[in-house]
C-alpha cells in the first residue's frame, strides 16, 4: 500500500508527493539541486551546534517508529 502525502515543494511551491522517489519532498531534480545549492552557499544553516539537551524530549521514543510517521 502506497502512502501519498501532498505538500508544497520547498523551492518552488508546486504541490508534490512528500514520498515521491527519487525527488521527494521536492517536485523535481532541479528543485532538489537548487535547495542543495542553498545549503552549500550557506543561505541555509543550523543556527547553533546541537547538544544532548536538544534530544532529551526524544529519549522515551521506541526505536524511531514515532519519528517516521508523517
Protein backbone atom coordinates (compact mmCIF):
# COMPACT_ATOMS: atom_id res chain seq x y z
CA UNK A 1 0.00 0.00 0.00
CA UNK A 2 1.46 3.31 -1.14
CA UNK A 3 1.19 6.38 1.08
CA UNK A 4 0.54 9.72 -0.61
CA UNK A 5 1.11 12.88 1.35
CA UNK A 6 0.76 16.07 -0.67
CA UNK A 7 2.89 19.02 0.37
CA UNK A 8 4.26 22.14 -1.30
CA UNK A 9 7.77 21.93 -2.78
CA UNK A 10 10.12 23.92 -0.52
CA UNK A 11 11.80 25.52 -3.54
CA UNK A 12 9.02 26.48 -5.96
CA UNK A 13 5.78 25.87 -4.04
CA UNK A 14 4.30 23.38 -6.52
CA UNK A 15 2.17 20.65 -4.90
CA UNK A 16 4.00 17.31 -4.80
CA UNK A 17 4.05 13.94 -3.05
CA UNK A 18 6.33 14.00 0.02
CA UNK A 19 7.35 10.36 -0.54
CA UNK A 20 7.89 10.58 -4.33
CA UNK A 21 11.06 8.84 -5.46
CA UNK A 22 13.70 9.96 -6.29
CA UNK A 23 12.95 13.65 -5.70
CA UNK A 24 10.58 13.77 -2.71
CA UNK A 25 9.94 16.04 -0.91
CA UNK A 26 10.82 18.23 -3.91
CA UNK A 27 8.79 18.30 -7.13
CA UNK A 28 11.79 17.83 -9.45
CA UNK A 29 15.51 17.14 -9.57
CA UNK A 30 16.05 20.83 -10.38
CA UNK A 31 14.31 21.99 -7.19
CA UNK A 32 16.28 19.42 -5.20
CA UNK A 33 19.57 20.77 -6.60
CA UNK A 34 18.54 24.41 -6.01
CA UNK A 35 17.92 23.53 -2.35
CA UNK A 36 21.26 21.72 -2.08
CA UNK A 37 22.99 24.75 -3.62
CA UNK A 38 21.47 26.97 -0.93
CA UNK A 39 22.95 24.72 1.77
CA UNK A 40 26.36 24.77 0.04
CA UNK A 41 26.14 28.56 -0.37
CA UNK A 42 25.30 28.88 3.33
CA UNK A 43 21.93 30.55 2.68
CA UNK A 44 20.60 27.79 4.96
CA UNK A 45 22.43 26.80 8.12
CA UNK A 46 21.89 25.25 11.52
CA UNK A 47 21.71 28.21 13.89
CA UNK A 48 23.59 26.61 16.77
CA UNK A 49 25.53 23.40 17.48
CA UNK A 50 23.35 20.54 18.74
CA UNK A 51 23.81 19.43 22.32
CA UNK A 52 22.43 16.43 24.27
CA UNK A 53 19.71 18.73 25.65
CA UNK A 54 18.23 19.05 22.16
CA UNK A 55 17.49 15.31 22.15
CA UNK A 56 16.13 14.93 25.70
CA UNK A 57 12.47 15.02 24.61
CA UNK A 58 13.03 12.08 22.23
CA UNK A 59 14.70 9.67 24.71
CA UNK A 60 11.50 7.76 25.53
CA UNK A 61 10.51 7.01 21.92
CA UNK A 62 10.59 3.40 20.72
CA UNK A 63 13.23 2.83 18.06
CA UNK A 64 12.33 5.82 15.91
CA UNK A 65 8.95 4.49 14.75
CA UNK A 66 7.15 7.51 16.14
CA UNK A 67 9.54 9.87 14.38
CA UNK A 68 8.89 8.29 10.98
CA UNK A 69 5.14 8.97 10.97
CA UNK A 70 4.05 11.90 8.77
